[in-house]
N, C-alpha and C. Protein backbone atom coordinates (compact mmCIF):
# COMPACT_ATOMS: atom_id res chain seq x y z
N MET A 1 40.56 114.24 149.76
CA MET A 1 41.07 113.72 150.87
C MET A 1 42.02 112.59 150.41
N ALA A 2 41.66 111.72 149.18
CA ALA A 2 42.43 111.12 148.82
C ALA A 2 43.79 111.61 148.00
N ASP A 3 43.50 113.01 147.45
CA ASP A 3 44.63 113.45 146.53
C ASP A 3 45.61 114.09 147.66
N GLU A 4 45.22 114.55 148.84
CA GLU A 4 45.96 115.08 149.90
C GLU A 4 46.99 113.80 150.25
N HIS A 5 46.44 112.68 150.43
CA HIS A 5 47.23 111.57 150.78
C HIS A 5 48.21 111.15 149.74
N ALA A 6 47.86 111.27 148.43
CA ALA A 6 48.63 110.92 147.43
C ALA A 6 49.91 112.13 147.32
N ALA A 7 49.43 113.27 147.54
CA ALA A 7 50.32 114.47 147.57
C ALA A 7 51.55 114.24 148.67
N ASN A 8 50.88 113.69 149.83
CA ASN A 8 51.85 113.81 150.92
C ASN A 8 52.83 112.37 150.70
N GLY A 9 52.29 111.27 150.18
CA GLY A 9 53.19 110.15 149.68
C GLY A 9 54.20 110.60 148.78
N ALA A 10 53.94 111.48 147.98
CA ALA A 10 54.77 111.63 146.71
C ALA A 10 55.85 112.65 147.45
N GLU A 11 55.45 113.72 148.28
CA GLU A 11 56.44 114.36 149.00
C GLU A 11 57.43 113.55 149.76
N ASN A 12 57.05 112.35 150.39
CA ASN A 12 58.01 111.61 151.09
C ASN A 12 58.85 110.90 150.25
N LYS A 13 58.28 110.42 148.98
CA LYS A 13 59.19 109.80 148.21
C LYS A 13 59.95 110.44 147.54
N PHE A 14 59.82 111.71 147.12
CA PHE A 14 60.86 112.63 146.32
C PHE A 14 61.61 113.46 147.36
N GLY A 15 61.41 113.53 148.65
CA GLY A 15 62.09 114.53 149.75
C GLY A 15 63.00 113.80 150.40
N GLY A 16 63.31 112.43 150.21
CA GLY A 16 64.15 111.58 150.98
C GLY A 16 65.32 111.30 150.63
N CYS A 17 65.75 111.92 149.58
CA CYS A 17 67.25 111.73 149.13
C CYS A 17 68.08 112.84 149.71
N CYS A 18 67.69 113.83 149.97
CA CYS A 18 68.63 114.82 150.61
C CYS A 18 67.67 115.89 151.14
N GLU A 19 68.09 116.50 152.15
CA GLU A 19 67.43 117.98 152.90
C GLU A 19 67.15 118.91 151.94
N GLU A 20 68.18 119.21 150.82
CA GLU A 20 68.02 120.38 150.08
C GLU A 20 66.81 120.16 149.10
N LEU A 21 66.61 118.99 148.76
CA LEU A 21 65.24 118.76 147.92
C LEU A 21 64.24 118.89 148.84
N LYS A 22 64.11 118.30 150.08
CA LYS A 22 63.05 118.33 150.71
C LYS A 22 62.43 119.77 151.12
N GLU A 23 63.52 120.52 151.32
CA GLU A 23 63.26 121.97 151.60
C GLU A 23 62.77 122.89 150.49
N ALA A 24 63.29 122.54 148.94
CA ALA A 24 63.05 123.16 147.92
C ALA A 24 61.34 122.83 147.70
N ILE A 25 61.01 121.67 147.89
CA ILE A 25 59.64 121.14 147.48
C ILE A 25 58.71 121.88 148.55
N ALA A 26 59.20 121.99 149.73
CA ALA A 26 58.26 122.54 150.86
C ALA A 26 57.93 123.87 150.34
N GLY A 27 58.95 124.74 150.15
CA GLY A 27 58.81 126.04 149.70
C GLY A 27 57.97 126.97 150.80
N GLU A 28 58.09 126.82 151.93
CA GLU A 28 57.49 127.60 153.01
C GLU A 28 57.80 128.94 153.04
N ASP A 29 58.93 129.63 152.60
CA ASP A 29 59.10 131.07 152.47
C ASP A 29 59.05 131.45 151.09
N PHE A 30 58.83 130.81 150.07
CA PHE A 30 58.88 131.28 148.66
C PHE A 30 58.13 130.17 147.84
N GLU A 31 57.84 130.84 146.55
CA GLU A 31 57.01 129.86 145.57
C GLU A 31 57.84 128.90 145.02
N PRO A 32 57.93 127.52 145.20
CA PRO A 32 58.92 126.59 144.79
C PRO A 32 59.13 126.54 143.23
N LEU A 33 60.00 126.18 142.72
CA LEU A 33 60.20 125.97 141.20
C LEU A 33 60.14 124.55 141.11
N ILE A 34 60.23 123.80 142.06
CA ILE A 34 60.20 122.23 142.12
C ILE A 34 58.91 121.78 142.69
N SER A 35 58.10 121.15 142.12
CA SER A 35 56.88 120.80 142.81
C SER A 35 56.17 119.39 142.33
N ILE A 36 55.28 119.07 143.10
CA ILE A 36 54.98 117.52 142.54
C ILE A 36 53.67 118.13 142.06
N GLY A 37 53.06 117.20 141.04
CA GLY A 37 52.15 117.35 140.39
C GLY A 37 50.88 116.81 140.77
N PRO A 38 49.67 116.81 140.38
CA PRO A 38 48.48 116.30 140.89
C PRO A 38 48.74 114.65 140.56
N GLU A 39 49.47 114.31 139.78
CA GLU A 39 49.39 112.65 139.26
C GLU A 39 50.73 112.22 140.09
N GLY A 40 51.43 112.94 140.88
CA GLY A 40 52.36 112.50 141.47
C GLY A 40 53.80 112.45 140.75
N ILE A 41 54.03 113.21 139.91
CA ILE A 41 55.18 113.34 139.23
C ILE A 41 55.83 114.57 139.66
N LEU A 42 57.23 114.48 139.83
CA LEU A 42 57.91 115.79 140.36
C LEU A 42 58.35 116.58 139.01
N TYR A 43 57.78 117.84 139.16
CA TYR A 43 58.14 118.77 138.13
C TYR A 43 59.28 119.98 138.46
N MET A 44 60.13 120.54 137.55
CA MET A 44 60.93 121.65 137.75
C MET A 44 60.35 122.65 136.71
N ALA A 45 60.17 123.76 137.11
CA ALA A 45 59.78 125.05 136.24
C ALA A 45 61.12 125.48 135.40
N VAL A 46 60.86 125.48 134.09
CA VAL A 46 62.15 125.58 133.21
C VAL A 46 61.83 126.75 132.46
N GLY A 47 60.60 127.56 132.76
CA GLY A 47 60.62 129.12 132.01
C GLY A 47 59.18 129.72 132.35
N LEU A 48 58.90 130.83 131.79
CA LEU A 48 57.86 131.33 132.01
C LEU A 48 57.28 131.89 130.60
N ILE A 49 55.89 131.51 130.49
CA ILE A 49 55.07 131.87 129.31
C ILE A 49 54.10 132.77 129.38
N GLU A 50 53.85 133.81 128.52
CA GLU A 50 52.80 134.81 128.63
C GLU A 50 51.41 134.11 128.45
N LEU A 51 50.39 134.11 129.32
CA LEU A 51 49.10 133.59 128.73
C LEU A 51 48.35 134.61 128.13
N GLU A 52 47.06 134.26 127.78
CA GLU A 52 46.21 135.33 127.21
C GLU A 52 45.75 136.49 128.09
N ASP A 53 45.67 136.30 129.19
CA ASP A 53 45.15 137.47 130.20
C ASP A 53 46.76 138.28 130.77
N ASP A 54 47.66 137.98 129.98
CA ASP A 54 49.08 138.82 130.50
C ASP A 54 49.63 138.20 131.73
N GLU A 55 49.26 137.25 132.25
CA GLU A 55 49.53 136.75 133.43
C GLU A 55 50.72 135.75 132.77
N PRO A 56 52.03 135.67 133.62
CA PRO A 56 52.87 134.74 133.35
C PRO A 56 52.34 133.17 134.11
N GLY A 57 52.75 132.37 133.05
CA GLY A 57 52.60 130.98 133.38
C GLY A 57 53.75 129.93 133.26
N MET A 58 53.78 129.32 134.19
CA MET A 58 55.17 128.37 134.32
C MET A 58 55.14 127.31 133.35
N VAL A 59 56.23 127.05 132.72
CA VAL A 59 56.49 125.86 131.92
C VAL A 59 57.12 124.79 132.62
N ASP A 60 56.61 123.72 132.78
CA ASP A 60 57.10 122.55 133.73
C ASP A 60 57.68 121.40 132.79
N HIS A 61 58.77 120.88 133.54
CA HIS A 61 59.31 119.60 132.97
C HIS A 61 59.32 118.51 134.04
N PRO A 62 59.34 117.43 133.58
CA PRO A 62 59.52 116.36 134.83
C PRO A 62 60.82 116.39 135.12
N LEU A 63 61.43 116.19 136.26
CA LEU A 63 62.52 115.96 136.88
C LEU A 63 62.99 114.79 137.18
N PHE A 64 63.89 114.07 136.63
CA PHE A 64 64.35 112.76 136.76
C PHE A 64 65.41 112.46 137.66
N TYR A 65 66.24 113.31 138.05
CA TYR A 65 67.27 113.27 138.98
C TYR A 65 67.29 114.32 139.83
N CYS A 66 67.79 114.32 141.05
CA CYS A 66 67.71 115.42 142.16
C CYS A 66 68.80 116.30 141.60
N PRO A 67 68.56 117.73 141.50
CA PRO A 67 69.61 118.43 141.26
C PRO A 67 70.49 118.99 142.24
N PHE A 68 70.39 118.37 143.40
CA PHE A 68 71.11 118.67 144.59
C PHE A 68 72.32 117.69 144.87
N CYS A 69 71.63 116.26 144.72
CA CYS A 69 72.51 115.19 144.99
C CYS A 69 72.71 114.15 143.89
N GLY A 70 72.09 114.26 142.88
CA GLY A 70 72.10 113.44 141.55
C GLY A 70 71.21 112.01 141.86
N THR A 71 70.53 111.86 142.73
CA THR A 71 70.04 110.62 142.90
C THR A 71 68.70 110.50 141.81
N LYS A 72 68.50 109.42 141.37
CA LYS A 72 67.42 109.14 140.56
C LYS A 72 66.35 109.20 141.09
N LEU A 73 65.24 109.86 140.63
CA LEU A 73 63.95 110.01 141.43
C LEU A 73 62.77 109.52 140.58
N GLN A 74 62.99 109.43 139.32
CA GLN A 74 61.78 108.70 138.52
C GLN A 74 62.31 108.58 137.05
N ASP A 75 61.71 107.60 136.39
CA ASP A 75 62.13 107.63 135.06
C ASP A 75 61.21 107.93 133.85
N ALA A 76 61.61 108.17 132.65
CA ALA A 76 60.76 108.64 131.70
C ALA A 76 59.57 107.67 131.39
N GLU A 77 59.75 106.25 131.44
CA GLU A 77 58.73 105.38 130.96
C GLU A 77 57.54 105.52 132.01
N THR A 78 57.95 105.67 133.31
CA THR A 78 56.91 105.82 134.55
C THR A 78 56.22 107.07 134.50
N VAL A 79 56.87 108.01 134.32
CA VAL A 79 56.20 109.28 134.00
C VAL A 79 55.24 109.28 132.67
N LYS A 80 55.88 108.80 131.68
CA LYS A 80 54.93 108.75 130.44
C LYS A 80 53.76 107.82 130.84
N ALA A 81 53.83 106.65 131.46
CA ALA A 81 52.61 106.03 131.86
C ALA A 81 51.67 106.58 132.73
N GLN A 82 52.33 107.37 133.62
CA GLN A 82 51.44 108.28 134.74
C GLN A 82 50.47 109.11 133.79
N LEU A 83 51.16 110.14 133.00
CA LEU A 83 50.54 110.90 132.19
C LEU A 83 49.33 110.34 131.19
N GLU A 84 49.84 109.33 130.76
CA GLU A 84 48.88 108.66 129.89
C GLU A 84 47.54 108.20 130.79
N SER A 85 47.89 107.72 131.80
CA SER A 85 46.60 107.18 132.57
C SER A 85 45.77 108.19 132.99
N GLN A 86 46.22 109.49 132.97
CA GLN A 86 45.51 110.76 133.38
C GLN A 86 44.98 111.23 132.22
N GLY A 87 45.14 110.66 130.82
CA GLY A 87 44.26 111.13 129.75
C GLY A 87 45.28 112.01 128.99
N GLU A 88 46.56 112.35 129.25
CA GLU A 88 47.23 113.41 128.66
C GLU A 88 47.97 112.62 127.29
N PRO A 89 47.89 113.08 126.19
CA PRO A 89 48.55 112.45 125.16
C PRO A 89 49.94 112.55 125.14
N GLN A 90 50.72 111.89 124.86
CA GLN A 90 52.23 111.84 124.74
C GLN A 90 52.87 111.60 123.36
N GLN A 91 53.87 112.45 123.18
CA GLN A 91 54.69 111.96 121.91
C GLN A 91 55.65 110.82 121.87
């Protein structure tokens, strides 16, 4: 339940700059390439990679600016801190 509230808060945070980003995140009619991770970071799929079971996997990268209107959404330092707090090592 807490994760659901966090995800809803992140959607509101990232979907507020323009209607295009809000629709891209919602992905009601398609599998979105822009998504909000469980830690509240906005990601954009930048490629595919083949996994061990021959299933494709998505390669994601944090999205710092809205690709539709250019609004700054998050910064590298905040993303790095969020990932480190989740126990993911950063370079």
